[in-house]
Amino acid sequence: MECAHCAAKPPKAELQKCSICFKWFCQECAYKRIGRDFCSRTCAEFFFFEDEEEG
């Protein structure tokens, strides 16, 4: 288990799993959006704006 962006590993880095793509990321590489952390801008935008493309 390591950060998908910088390859940091525990215990040096605390890792989280992205709720969209399930990749691991550290706090330094996190993309923060409205109180939530994601591994990337793409995942953050998908989480908040996915319904806007329909209908």
PDB file of N, CA and C in Angstrom:
ATOM      1  N   MET A   1       0.854  -1.169   0.000  1.00  0.00           N
ATOM      2  CA  MET A   1       0.000   0.000   0.000  1.00  0.00           C
ATOM      3  C   MET A   1       0.902   1.235   0.000  1.00  0.00           C
ATOM      4  N   GLU A   2       0.686   2.109  -1.001  1.00  0.00           N
ATOM      5  CA  GLU A   2       1.459   3.348  -1.112  1.00  0.00           C
ATOM      6  C   GLU A   2       0.638   4.396  -1.847  1.00  0.00           C
ATOM      7  N   CYS A   3       1.035   5.641  -1.693  1.00  0.00           N
ATOM      8  CA  CYS A   3       0.347   6.748  -2.366  1.00  0.00           C
ATOM      9  C   CYS A   3       0.483   6.587  -3.883  1.00  0.00           C
ATOM     10  N   ALA A   4      -0.625   6.707  -4.586  1.00  0.00           N
ATOM     11  CA  ALA A   4      -0.632   6.560  -6.042  1.00  0.00           C
ATOM     12  C   ALA A   4       0.138   7.675  -6.749  1.00  0.00           C
ATOM     13  N   HIS A   5       0.396   8.784  -6.051  1.00  0.00           N
ATOM     14  CA  HIS A   5       1.064   9.928  -6.677  1.00  0.00           C
ATOM     15  C   HIS A   5       2.543  10.033  -6.320  1.00  0.00           C
ATOM     16  N   CYS A   6       2.875   9.904  -5.037  1.00  0.00           N
ATOM     17  CA  CYS A   6       4.264  10.122  -4.610  1.00  0.00           C
ATOM     18  C   CYS A   6       4.944   8.867  -4.069  1.00  0.00           C
ATOM     19  N   ALA A   7       4.210   7.765  -3.981  1.00  0.00           N
ATOM     20  CA  ALA A   7       4.719   6.473  -3.512  1.00  0.00           C
ATOM     21  C   ALA A   7       5.080   6.455  -2.025  1.00  0.00           C
ATOM     22  N   ALA A   8       4.603   7.430  -1.250  1.00  0.00           N
ATOM     23  CA  ALA A   8       4.829   7.420   0.201  1.00  0.00           C
ATOM     24  C   ALA A   8       4.107   6.221   0.817  1.00  0.00           C
ATOM     25  N   LYS A   9       4.710   5.660   1.859  1.00  0.00           N
ATOM     26  CA  LYS A   9       4.145   4.483   2.521  1.00  0.00           C
ATOM     27  C   LYS A   9       4.017   4.732   4.015  1.00  0.00           C
ATOM     28  N   PRO A  10       3.076   4.037   4.663  1.00  0.00           N
ATOM     29  CA  PRO A  10       2.986   4.124   6.125  1.00  0.00           C
ATOM     30  C   PRO A  10       4.234   3.493   6.733  1.00  0.00           C
ATOM     31  N   PRO A  11       4.690   3.888   7.870  1.00  0.00           N
ATOM     32  CA  PRO A  11       4.102   4.854   8.792  1.00  0.00           C
ATOM     33  C   PRO A  11       4.498   6.296   8.495  1.00  0.00           C
ATOM     34  N   LYS A  12       5.345   6.510   7.489  1.00  0.00           N
ATOM     35  CA  LYS A  12       5.782   7.870   7.171  1.00  0.00           C
ATOM     36  C   LYS A  12       4.619   8.748   6.697  1.00  0.00           C
ATOM     37  N   ALA A  13       3.676   8.163   6.000  1.00  0.00           N
ATOM     38  CA  ALA A  13       2.521   8.911   5.494  1.00  0.00           C
ATOM     39  C   ALA A  13       1.235   8.193   5.883  1.00  0.00           C
ATOM     40  N   GLU A  14       0.246   8.977   6.278  1.00  0.00           N
ATOM     41  CA  GLU A  14      -1.073   8.418   6.559  1.00  0.00           C
ATOM     42  C   GLU A  14      -1.843   8.378   5.241  1.00  0.00           C
ATOM     43  N   LEU A  15      -2.284   7.200   4.854  1.00  0.00           N
ATOM     44  CA  LEU A  15      -2.958   7.039   3.572  1.00  0.00           C
ATOM     45  C   LEU A  15      -4.466   6.931   3.728  1.00  0.00           C
ATOM     46  N   GLN A  16      -5.168   7.399   2.700  1.00  0.00           N
ATOM     47  CA  GLN A  16      -6.620   7.277   2.611  1.00  0.00           C
ATOM     48  C   GLN A  16      -6.933   6.618   1.279  1.00  0.00           C
ATOM     49  N   LYS A  17      -8.104   5.996   1.194  1.00  0.00           N
ATOM     50  CA  LYS A  17      -8.542   5.392  -0.062  1.00  0.00           C
ATOM     51  C   LYS A  17      -9.593   6.297  -0.697  1.00  0.00           C
ATOM     52  N   CYS A  18      -9.418   6.601  -1.966  1.00  0.00           N
ATOM     53  CA  CYS A  18     -10.361   7.447  -2.694  1.00  0.00           C
ATOM     54  C   CYS A  18     -11.715   6.745  -2.786  1.00  0.00           C
ATOM     55  N   SER A  19     -12.772   7.468  -2.484  1.00  0.00           N
ATOM     56  CA  SER A  19     -14.112   6.877  -2.493  1.00  0.00           C
ATOM     57  C   SER A  19     -14.665   6.677  -3.905  1.00  0.00           C
ATOM     58  N   ILE A  20     -13.986   7.198  -4.909  1.00  0.00           N
ATOM     59  CA  ILE A  20     -14.436   7.046  -6.292  1.00  0.00           C
ATOM     60  C   ILE A  20     -13.668   5.934  -7.009  1.00  0.00           C
ATOM     61  N   CYS A  21     -12.344   6.015  -7.022  1.00  0.00           N
ATOM     62  CA  CYS A  21     -11.543   5.040  -7.782  1.00  0.00           C
ATOM     63  C   CYS A  21     -10.799   4.037  -6.899  1.00  0.00           C
ATOM     64  N   PHE A  22     -10.844   4.249  -5.592  1.00  0.00           N
ATOM     65  CA  PHE A  22     -10.244   3.354  -4.595  1.00  0.00           C
ATOM     66  C   PHE A  22      -8.715   3.314  -4.611  1.00  0.00           C
ATOM     67  N   LYS A  23      -8.077   4.319  -5.209  1.00  0.00           N
ATOM     68  CA  LYS A  23      -6.617   4.426  -5.137  1.00  0.00           C
ATOM     69  C   LYS A  23      -6.236   4.996  -3.778  1.00  0.00           C
ATOM     70  N   TRP A  24      -5.053   4.616  -3.292  1.00  0.00           N
ATOM     71  CA  TRP A  24      -4.527   5.154  -2.042  1.00  0.00           C
ATOM     72  C   TRP A  24      -3.825   6.476  -2.319  1.00  0.00           C
ATOM     73  N   PHE A  25      -3.966   7.451  -1.401  1.00  0.00           N
ATOM     74  CA  PHE A  25      -3.277   8.734  -1.530  1.00  0.00           C
ATOM     75  C   PHE A  25      -2.952   9.267  -0.145  1.00  0.00           C
ATOM     76  N   CYS A  26      -1.891  10.090  -0.053  1.00  0.00           N
ATOM     77  CA  CYS A  26      -1.498  10.692   1.224  1.00  0.00           C
ATOM     78  C   CYS A  26      -2.102  12.096   1.334  1.00  0.00           C
ATOM     79  N   GLN A  27      -2.027  12.680   2.505  1.00  0.00           N
ATOM     80  CA  GLN A  27      -2.596  14.007   2.729  1.00  0.00           C
ATOM     81  C   GLN A  27      -1.890  15.087   1.911  1.00  0.00           C
ATOM     82  N   GLU A  28      -0.612  14.911   1.648  1.00  0.00           N
ATOM     83  CA  GLU A  28       0.110  15.913   0.856  1.00  0.00           C
ATOM     84  C   GLU A  28      -0.331  15.915  -0.606  1.00  0.00           C
ATOM     85  N   CYS A  29      -0.779  14.777  -1.102  1.00  0.00           N
ATOM     86  CA  CYS A  29      -1.215  14.664  -2.497  1.00  0.00           C
ATOM     87  C   CYS A  29      -2.731  14.772  -2.651  1.00  0.00           C
ATOM     88  N   ALA A  30      -3.451  14.864  -1.555  1.00  0.00           N
ATOM     89  CA  ALA A  30      -4.916  14.877  -1.593  1.00  0.00           C
ATOM     90  C   ALA A  30      -5.447  16.100  -2.330  1.00  0.00           C
ATOM     91  N   TYR A  31      -6.519  15.896  -3.068  1.00  0.00           N
ATOM     92  CA  TYR A  31      -7.253  16.989  -3.702  1.00  0.00           C
ATOM     93  C   TYR A  31      -8.462  17.250  -2.820  1.00  0.00           C
ATOM     94  N   LYS A  32      -8.467  18.377  -2.142  1.00  0.00           N
ATOM     95  CA  LYS A  32      -9.518  18.689  -1.169  1.00  0.00           C
ATOM     96  C   LYS A  32     -10.628  19.490  -1.836  1.00  0.00           C
ATOM     97  N   ARG A  33     -11.863  19.049  -1.585  1.00  0.00           N
ATOM     98  CA  ARG A  33     -13.009  19.715  -2.209  1.00  0.00           C
ATOM     99  C   ARG A  33     -14.186  19.668  -1.241  1.00  0.00           C
ATOM    100  N   ILE A  34     -14.632  20.827  -0.783  1.00  0.00           N
ATOM    101  CA  ILE A  34     -15.798  20.983   0.088  1.00  0.00           C
ATOM    102  C   ILE A  34     -15.781  19.985   1.250  1.00  0.00           C
ATOM    103  N   GLY A  35     -14.683  19.952   1.969  1.00  0.00           N
ATOM    104  CA  GLY A  35     -14.582  19.121   3.166  1.00  0.00           C
ATOM    105  C   GLY A  35     -14.312  17.647   2.923  1.00  0.00           C
ATOM    106  N   ARG A  36     -14.068  17.254   1.706  1.00  0.00           N
ATOM    107  CA  ARG A  36     -13.771  15.858   1.381  1.00  0.00           C
ATOM    108  C   ARG A  36     -12.417  15.780   0.688  1.00  0.00           C
ATOM    109  N   ASP A  37     -11.776  14.629   0.839  1.00  0.00           N
ATOM    110  CA  ASP A  37     -10.485  14.396   0.195  1.00  0.00           C
ATOM    111  C   ASP A  37     -10.633  13.350  -0.903  1.00  0.00           C
ATOM    112  N   PHE A  38      -9.976  13.605  -2.032  1.00  0.00           N
ATOM    113  CA  PHE A  38      -9.977  12.683  -3.163  1.00  0.00           C
ATOM    114  C   PHE A  38      -8.547  12.531  -3.658  1.00  0.00           C
ATOM    115  N   CYS A  39      -8.318  11.531  -4.498  1.00  0.00           N
ATOM    116  CA  CYS A  39      -6.969  11.328  -5.026  1.00  0.00           C
ATOM    117  C   CYS A  39      -6.658  12.285  -6.172  1.00  0.00           C
ATOM    118  N   SER A  40      -7.706  12.841  -6.799  1.00  0.00           N
ATOM    119  CA  SER A  40      -7.478  13.712  -7.955  1.00  0.00           C
ATOM    120  C   SER A  40      -8.657  14.650  -8.183  1.00  0.00           C
ATOM    121  N   ARG A  41      -8.420  15.645  -8.996  1.00  0.00           N
ATOM    122  CA  ARG A  41      -9.494  16.572  -9.371  1.00  0.00           C
ATOM    123  C   ARG A  41     -10.594  15.834 -10.143  1.00  0.00           C
ATOM    124  N   THR A  42     -10.192  14.900 -10.978  1.00  0.00           N
ATOM    125  CA  THR A  42     -11.154  14.121 -11.759  1.00  0.00           C
ATOM    126  C   THR A  42     -12.141  13.397 -10.857  1.00  0.00           C
ATOM    127  N   CYS A  43     -11.646  12.752  -9.808  1.00  0.00           N
ATOM    128  CA  CYS A  43     -12.521  12.030  -8.880  1.00  0.00           C
ATOM    129  C   CYS A  43     -13.412  12.993  -8.101  1.00  0.00           C
ATOM    130  N   ALA A  44     -12.875  14.132  -7.697  1.00  0.00           N
ATOM    131  CA  ALA A  44     -13.675  15.122  -6.970  1.00  0.00           C
ATOM    132  C   ALA A  44     -14.805  15.647  -7.844  1.00  0.00           C
ATOM    133  N   GLU A  45     -14.506  15.968  -9.080  1.00  0.00           N
ATOM    134  CA  GLU A  45     -15.536  16.471  -9.984  1.00  0.00           C
ATOM    135  C   GLU A  45     -16.579  15.403 -10.286  1.00  0.00           C
ATOM    136  N   PHE A  46     -16.167  14.166 -10.420  1.00  0.00           N
ATOM    137  CA  PHE A  46     -17.120  13.084 -10.649  1.00  0.00           C
ATOM    138  C   PHE A  46     -18.067  12.961  -9.457  1.00  0.00           C
ATOM    139  N   PHE A  47     -17.531  13.042  -8.245  1.00  0.00           N
ATOM    140  CA  PHE A  47     -18.349  12.913  -7.037  1.00  0.00           C
ATOM    141  C   PHE A  47     -19.401  14.017  -6.952  1.00  0.00           C
ATOM    142  N   PHE A  48     -19.005  15.253  -7.217  1.00  0.00           N
ATOM    143  CA  PHE A  48     -19.911  16.378  -7.032  1.00  0.00           C
ATOM    144  C   PHE A  48     -20.760  16.719  -8.258  1.00  0.00           C
ATOM    145  N   PHE A  49     -20.304  16.375  -9.457  1.00  0.00           N
ATOM    146  CA  PHE A  49     -20.990  16.839 -10.658  1.00  0.00           C
ATOM    147  C   PHE A  49     -21.451  15.744 -11.609  1.00  0.00           C
ATOM    148  N   GLU A  50     -21.403  14.481 -11.224  1.00  0.00           N
ATOM    149  CA  GLU A  50     -21.751  13.406 -12.152  1.00  0.00           C
ATOM    150  C   GLU A  50     -23.191  13.490 -12.653  1.00  0.00           C
ATOM    151  N   ASP A  51     -24.130  13.944 -11.830  1.00  0.00           N
ATOM    152  CA  ASP A  51     -25.537  13.999 -12.218  1.00  0.00           C
ATOM    153  C   ASP A  51     -25.847  15.126 -13.198  1.00  0.00           C
ATOM    154  N   GLU A  52     -24.992  16.128 -13.297  1.00  0.00           N
ATOM    155  CA  GLU A  52     -25.251  17.271 -14.169  1.00  0.00           C
ATOM    156  C   GLU A  52     -25.192  16.911 -15.644  1.00  0.00           C
ATOM    157  N   GLU A  53     -24.502  15.832 -15.996  1.00  0.00           N
ATOM    158  CA  GLU A  53     -24.369  15.447 -17.390  1.00  0.00           C
ATOM    159  C   GLU A  53     -25.598  14.706 -17.905  1.00  0.00           C
ATOM    160  N   GLU A  54     -26.412  14.188 -17.011  1.00  0.00           N
ATOM    161  CA  GLU A  54     -27.593  13.432 -17.421  1.00  0.00           C
ATOM    162  C   GLU A  54     -28.757  14.367 -17.697  1.00  0.00           C
ATOM    163  N   GLY A  55     -29.582  13.983 -18.702  1.00  0.00           N
ATOM    164  CA  GLY A  55     -30.836  14.621 -18.993  1.00  0.00           C
ATOM    165  C   GLY A  55     -30.797  16.063 -19.153  1.00  0.00           C
TER     166      GLY A  55
END
